[in-house]
């Protein structure tokens, strides 16, 4: 039930931090703020070579208190490496069938980036847990969620790019299931991150 439980947890929180940092110390500072603010979900980007090691250290330190996944996973080799390091989920800017198969095999939720409806349906058919609206969310905004969900109402959407405290409610109204945040949940002090996480959590809670 690991995959189902992780999906349920991610949806229940409704947001995650998109983290790019080279040090465990900074990742831990971000984690502290996110946990305290009610958004205990982090994506560690594999644009950095030591992302796997940081994921492992975060899991060792926080255990079940923090849901940590791998981001920018382009291929099945990287996905397997991340899973071995303890990644709870896999997020990609693209859809790759090899990654989908690895994630299904080890019961890890997979959120591939899809830019077309056809690609999104193919990803769902391959077992994707969420469809990542990227990079199209930057260009089309929150309306794209309605476009994807009109023909497939149950399509689970994870959007990242262009979501702010001011427009988060609009994304939620249009049906987004999980929202990814960069600067709001990764910049500044632990207290500042906690403050922003609290605001995000309140907006999501009030909507639901």
Protein backbone atom coordinates (compact mmCIF):
# COMPACT_ATOMS: atom_id res chain seq x y z
CA UNK A 1 0.00 0.00 0.00
CA UNK A 2 3.08 2.28 -0.04
CA UNK A 3 2.21 3.94 -3.34
CA UNK A 4 -1.43 4.51 -2.42
CA UNK A 5 -0.50 5.92 0.98
CA UNK A 6 2.04 8.35 -0.51
CA UNK A 7 -0.44 9.57 -3.12
CA UNK A 8 -3.07 10.09 -0.44
CA UNK A 9 -0.60 11.96 1.75
CA UNK A 10 0.57 14.24 -1.08
CA UNK A 11 -2.99 15.06 -2.07
CA UNK A 12 -3.94 15.65 1.56
CA UNK A 13 -1.18 18.24 1.93
CA UNK A 14 -1.85 19.68 -1.52
CA UNK A 15 1.52 21.36 -1.98
CA UNK A 16 5.25 20.67 -2.10
CA UNK A 17 8.54 22.54 -2.07
CA UNK A 18 10.72 22.32 -5.18
CA UNK A 19 14.25 22.34 -3.77
CA UNK A 20 17.57 22.90 -5.51
CA UNK A 21 20.41 23.06 -3.01
CA UNK A 22 23.87 21.56 -2.93
CA UNK A 23 24.06 21.07 0.84
CA UNK A 24 22.18 18.89 3.29
CA UNK A 25 22.38 21.69 5.86
CA UNK A 26 20.33 24.05 3.69
CA UNK A 27 17.93 21.26 2.72
CA UNK A 28 17.37 20.60 6.44
CA UNK A 29 16.68 24.30 7.09
CA UNK A 30 14.06 24.23 4.34
CA UNK A 31 12.62 20.98 5.69
CA UNK A 32 12.28 22.45 9.18
CA UNK A 33 10.30 25.40 7.82
CA UNK A 34 8.08 23.25 5.63
CA UNK A 35 7.31 20.78 8.42
CA UNK A 36 6.56 23.51 10.95
CA UNK A 37 4.37 25.31 8.42
CA UNK A 38 2.28 22.27 7.53
CA UNK A 39 3.78 21.43 4.11
CA UNK A 40 6.02 18.41 4.89
CA UNK A 41 6.58 17.46 1.24
CA UNK A 42 9.82 18.22 -0.63
CA UNK A 43 11.11 17.48 -4.12
CA UNK A 44 14.91 17.35 -4.41
CA UNK A 45 15.92 18.22 -7.96
CA UNK A 46 18.39 15.96 -9.74
CA UNK A 47 19.81 18.95 -11.58
CA UNK A 48 22.35 18.55 -8.75
CA UNK A 49 24.50 15.42 -8.69
CA UNK A 50 24.24 14.88 -4.92
CA UNK A 51 20.44 15.02 -4.76
CA UNK A 52 20.30 11.30 -3.96
CA UNK A 53 22.61 11.67 -0.99
CA UNK A 54 20.57 14.61 0.35
CA UNK A 55 17.34 12.60 -0.01
CA UNK A 56 18.93 9.77 1.98
CA UNK A 57 20.10 12.14 4.72
CA UNK A 58 16.70 13.83 4.95
CA UNK A 59 14.94 10.47 5.27
CA UNK A 60 17.38 9.39 7.98
CA UNK A 61 16.85 12.63 9.93
CA UNK A 62 13.09 13.14 9.57
CA UNK A 63 11.70 9.69 8.80
CA UNK A 64 7.93 9.70 8.28
CA UNK A 65 7.72 13.35 9.33
CA UNK A 66 8.86 14.39 5.85
CA UNK A 67 7.81 13.06 2.45
CA UNK A 68 10.84 13.49 0.18
CA UNK A 69 10.90 12.79 -3.53
CA UNK A 70 13.22 13.20 -6.50
CA UNK A 71 12.66 15.80 -9.20
CA UNK A 72 14.02 16.35 -12.72
CA UNK A 73 14.30 12.58 -13.19
CA UNK A 74 14.82 12.05 -16.92
CA UNK A 75 15.53 8.32 -17.16
CA UNK A 76 15.03 4.99 -15.45
CA UNK A 77 18.63 4.85 -14.20
CA UNK A 78 18.18 8.06 -12.23
CA UNK A 79 14.79 6.89 -10.99
CA UNK A 80 16.24 3.63 -9.64
CA UNK A 81 19.11 5.50 -7.98
CA UNK A 82 16.66 7.90 -6.29
CA UNK A 83 14.45 5.03 -5.11
CA UNK A 84 17.47 3.25 -3.60
CA UNK A 85 18.28 6.45 -1.72
CA UNK A 86 14.77 6.47 -0.25
CA UNK A 87 12.79 8.76 -2.56
CA UNK A 88 9.08 8.61 -1.75
CA UNK A 89 8.02 9.80 -5.22
CA UNK A 90 9.47 10.66 -8.62
CA UNK A 91 8.75 13.85 -10.58
CA UNK A 92 9.94 14.52 -14.12
CA UNK A 93 9.76 17.39 -16.61
CA UNK A 94 9.02 14.77 -19.29
CA UNK A 95 7.17 11.48 -19.69
CA UNK A 96 9.39 8.41 -19.98
CA UNK A 97 7.98 4.90 -20.18
CA UNK A 98 11.09 3.41 -18.59
CA UNK A 99 10.68 5.63 -15.53
CA UNK A 100 6.99 4.73 -15.34
CA UNK A 101 7.83 1.01 -15.33
CA UNK A 102 10.50 1.37 -12.63
CA UNK A 103 8.13 3.37 -10.43
CA UNK A 104 5.30 0.88 -10.89
CA UNK A 105 7.66 -1.99 -10.13
CA UNK A 106 8.72 -0.50 -6.80
CA UNK A 107 5.35 1.11 -6.01
CA UNK A 108 6.57 4.71 -6.13
CA UNK A 109 4.25 7.50 -7.35
CA UNK A 110 5.38 9.02 -10.66
CA UNK A 111 4.46 12.51 -11.87
CA UNK A 112 5.69 13.07 -15.43
CA UNK A 113 5.64 16.45 -17.12
CA UNK A 114 3.18 16.48 -20.01
CA UNK A 115 2.62 19.26 -22.53
CA UNK A 116 -0.26 17.76 -24.50
CA UNK A 117 -3.49 15.97 -23.69
CA UNK A 118 -2.39 12.93 -25.71
CA UNK A 119 0.82 12.69 -23.71
CA UNK A 120 -1.10 13.04 -20.43
CA UNK A 121 -3.46 10.17 -21.33
CA UNK A 122 -0.50 7.99 -22.35
CA UNK A 123 1.17 8.72 -19.01
CA UNK A 124 -1.99 7.82 -17.08
CA UNK A 125 -2.23 4.59 -19.05
CA UNK A 126 1.36 3.81 -18.01
CA UNK A 127 0.45 4.23 -14.35
CA UNK A 128 1.33 7.86 -13.58
CA UNK A 129 0.05 8.97 -10.16
CA UNK A 130 -0.13 12.65 -11.15
CA UNK A 131 0.22 14.53 -14.41
CA UNK A 132 2.68 17.36 -13.98
CA UNK A 133 1.51 20.43 -15.87
CA UNK A 134 4.96 21.64 -16.87
CA UNK A 135 6.16 23.80 -18.48
CA UNK A 136 2.74 24.70 -19.86
CA UNK A 137 1.53 26.06 -16.53
CA UNK A 138 3.90 28.99 -16.98
CA UNK A 139 2.28 29.91 -20.30
CA UNK A 140 -1.38 28.98 -19.92
CA UNK A 141 -1.91 29.55 -16.21
CA UNK A 142 -4.60 27.93 -14.13
CA UNK A 143 -7.01 27.52 -17.07
CA UNK A 144 -5.01 24.54 -18.30
CA UNK A 145 -6.32 22.45 -15.39
CA UNK A 146 -9.87 22.86 -16.68
CA UNK A 147 -8.73 21.99 -20.21
CA UNK A 148 -7.16 18.71 -19.05
CA UNK A 149 -9.97 17.79 -16.65
CA UNK A 150 -12.93 18.53 -18.93
CA UNK A 151 -12.55 15.29 -20.95
CA UNK A 152 -10.97 13.33 -18.06
CA UNK A 153 -12.40 14.75 -14.79
CA UNK A 154 -10.41 12.35 -12.62
CA UNK A 155 -7.01 13.25 -14.10
CA UNK A 156 -4.79 14.07 -11.09
CA UNK A 157 -2.89 17.30 -11.79
CA UNK A 158 0.33 18.47 -10.14
CA UNK A 159 1.11 21.98 -11.31
CA UNK A 160 4.32 23.92 -10.81
CA UNK A 161 5.24 27.28 -12.22
CA UNK A 162 3.35 30.52 -11.86
CA UNK A 163 1.52 29.67 -8.61
CA UNK A 164 1.59 32.37 -5.94
CA UNK A 165 -0.20 33.16 -2.69
CA UNK A 166 -2.37 35.60 -4.63
CA UNK A 167 -3.55 33.14 -7.30
CA UNK A 168 -3.40 29.79 -5.47
CA UNK A 169 -7.16 29.84 -4.81
CA UNK A 170 -7.82 30.12 -8.56
CA UNK A 171 -5.68 27.07 -9.26
CA UNK A 172 -7.59 25.15 -6.61
CA UNK A 173 -10.97 26.24 -8.01
CA UNK A 174 -9.94 25.00 -11.43
CA UNK A 175 -9.14 21.57 -10.05
CA UNK A 176 -5.39 21.33 -9.39
CA UNK A 177 -4.62 18.55 -6.91
CA UNK A 178 -1.06 19.36 -5.81
CA UNK A 179 0.82 22.66 -6.23
CA UNK A 180 4.59 22.96 -6.48
CA UNK A 181 6.36 26.02 -5.06
CA UNK A 182 9.92 27.16 -5.56
CA UNK A 183 10.95 30.46 -3.99
CA UNK A 184 8.08 30.68 -1.49
CA UNK A 185 9.16 27.46 0.20
CA UNK A 186 12.90 27.48 -0.41
CA UNK A 187 14.17 31.07 -0.05
CA UNK A 188 14.88 33.00 3.15
CA UNK A 189 15.16 31.81 6.71
CA UNK A 190 13.48 28.77 8.21
CA UNK A 191 10.98 31.09 9.89
CA UNK A 192 10.16 32.82 6.60
CA UNK A 193 9.62 29.46 4.92
CA UNK A 194 7.42 28.39 7.83
CA UNK A 195 5.35 31.57 7.44
CA UNK A 196 4.82 31.01 3.71
CA UNK A 197 4.05 27.31 4.25
CA UNK A 198 1.43 28.25 6.82
CA UNK A 199 -0.21 30.65 4.38
CA UNK A 200 -0.27 28.03 1.62
CA UNK A 201 -1.65 25.38 3.99
CA UNK A 202 -4.38 27.74 5.19
CA UNK A 203 -5.51 28.57 1.65
CA UNK A 204 -5.70 24.88 0.72
CA UNK A 205 -7.50 23.96 3.95
CA UNK A 206 -10.03 26.77 3.54
CA UNK A 207 -10.79 25.73 -0.03
CA UNK A 208 -11.26 22.05 0.78
